[in-house]
Amino acid sequence: MPSLVVRNLDESIVTALKERAVKHHRSTEAEHRAILAEVLMKPQRKSFAEALASIPAVGMDTDFQRVDDDTSESNVFD
């Protein structure tokens, strides 16, 4: 299995990694692997445009038009 060496890390990052490893009952190396897998292997988020494009076309625009009623703003709080 390939190895990865990360050099010149700030001491605060190393400390945070060790604290997180203790919290999750793992070795520092196992925690490092878990973080890399979590970040790199999760599905990519859709862009806003992709999310909009994935909405199914249902109904017509006229189905969603606001219906005018006789309530005026001045009568709403009377």
Protein backbone atom coordinates (compact mmCIF):
# COMPACT_ATOMS: atom_id res chain seq x y z
CA MET A 1 0.00 0.00 0.00
CA PRO A 2 1.39 3.46 -0.84
CA SER A 3 2.54 5.81 1.90
CA LEU A 4 2.18 9.55 2.24
CA VAL A 5 4.60 11.84 4.06
CA VAL A 6 3.49 15.36 4.93
CA ARG A 7 6.27 17.76 5.84
CA ASN A 8 6.38 21.24 7.38
CA LEU A 9 3.09 21.04 9.26
CA ASP A 10 2.31 23.70 11.78
CA GLU A 11 2.48 22.33 15.33
CA SER A 12 -1.12 23.39 15.97
CA ILE A 13 -2.28 21.09 13.14
CA VAL A 14 -0.37 18.16 14.58
CA THR A 15 -1.81 18.85 18.03
CA ALA A 16 -5.35 19.08 16.64
CA LEU A 17 -4.85 15.79 14.77
CA LYS A 18 -3.64 14.05 17.92
CA GLU A 19 -6.58 15.41 19.95
CA ARG A 20 -9.06 14.32 17.31
CA ALA A 21 -7.47 10.85 17.21
CA VAL A 22 -7.84 10.49 20.98
CA LYS A 23 -11.47 11.63 20.76
CA HIS A 24 -12.20 8.95 18.14
CA HIS A 25 -10.15 6.24 19.90
CA ARG A 26 -7.74 5.90 16.98
CA SER A 27 -4.04 6.28 16.39
CA THR A 28 -2.88 9.53 14.86
CA GLU A 29 -2.09 7.71 11.64
CA ALA A 30 -5.54 6.08 11.52
CA GLU A 31 -7.16 9.45 12.16
CA HIS A 32 -5.14 10.99 9.34
CA ARG A 33 -6.35 8.23 6.99
CA ALA A 34 -9.95 8.72 8.14
CA ILE A 35 -9.81 12.48 7.52
CA LEU A 36 -8.34 12.01 4.05
CA ALA A 37 -10.97 9.41 3.14
CA GLU A 38 -13.80 11.54 4.54
CA VAL A 39 -12.79 14.61 2.58
CA LEU A 40 -11.59 13.05 -0.65
CA MET A 41 -13.97 10.13 -1.12
CA LYS A 42 -17.33 11.74 -0.34
CA PRO A 43 -19.61 12.51 -3.27
CA GLN A 44 -19.12 15.92 -4.84
CA ARG A 45 -21.79 18.50 -4.05
CA LYS A 46 -23.96 19.64 -6.93
CA SER A 47 -23.62 23.19 -8.10
CA PHE A 48 -26.70 25.39 -7.84
CA ALA A 49 -27.18 25.15 -11.61
CA GLU A 50 -26.98 21.32 -11.45
CA ALA A 51 -29.51 21.25 -8.61
CA LEU A 52 -31.92 23.43 -10.58
CA ALA A 53 -31.45 21.34 -13.71
CA SER A 54 -32.30 18.17 -11.76
CA ILE A 55 -35.73 19.47 -10.70
CA PRO A 56 -38.32 17.60 -12.77
CA ALA A 57 -40.53 19.60 -15.11
CA VAL A 58 -44.02 19.25 -13.68
CA GLY A 59 -47.04 21.33 -14.55
CA MET A 60 -47.19 24.53 -16.50
CA ASP A 61 -46.06 27.96 -15.37
CA THR A 62 -49.72 29.01 -15.25
CA ASP A 63 -50.32 26.33 -12.60
CA PHE A 64 -48.15 28.33 -10.22
CA GLN A 65 -49.38 31.86 -10.84
CA ARG A 66 -50.61 33.84 -7.85
CA VAL A 67 -54.37 34.22 -7.68
CA ASP A 68 -55.51 37.79 -7.01
CA ASP A 69 -58.02 38.19 -4.21
CA ASP A 70 -60.04 41.18 -3.02
CA THR A 71 -58.06 41.68 0.19
CA SER A 72 -56.29 45.01 0.22
CA GLU A 73 -53.32 45.73 2.43
CA SER A 74 -55.24 48.35 4.37
CA ASN A 75 -57.86 45.77 5.44
CA VAL A 76 -55.41 43.08 6.52
CA PHE A 77 -54.85 44.42 10.06
CA ASP A 78 -58.34 45.86 10.71
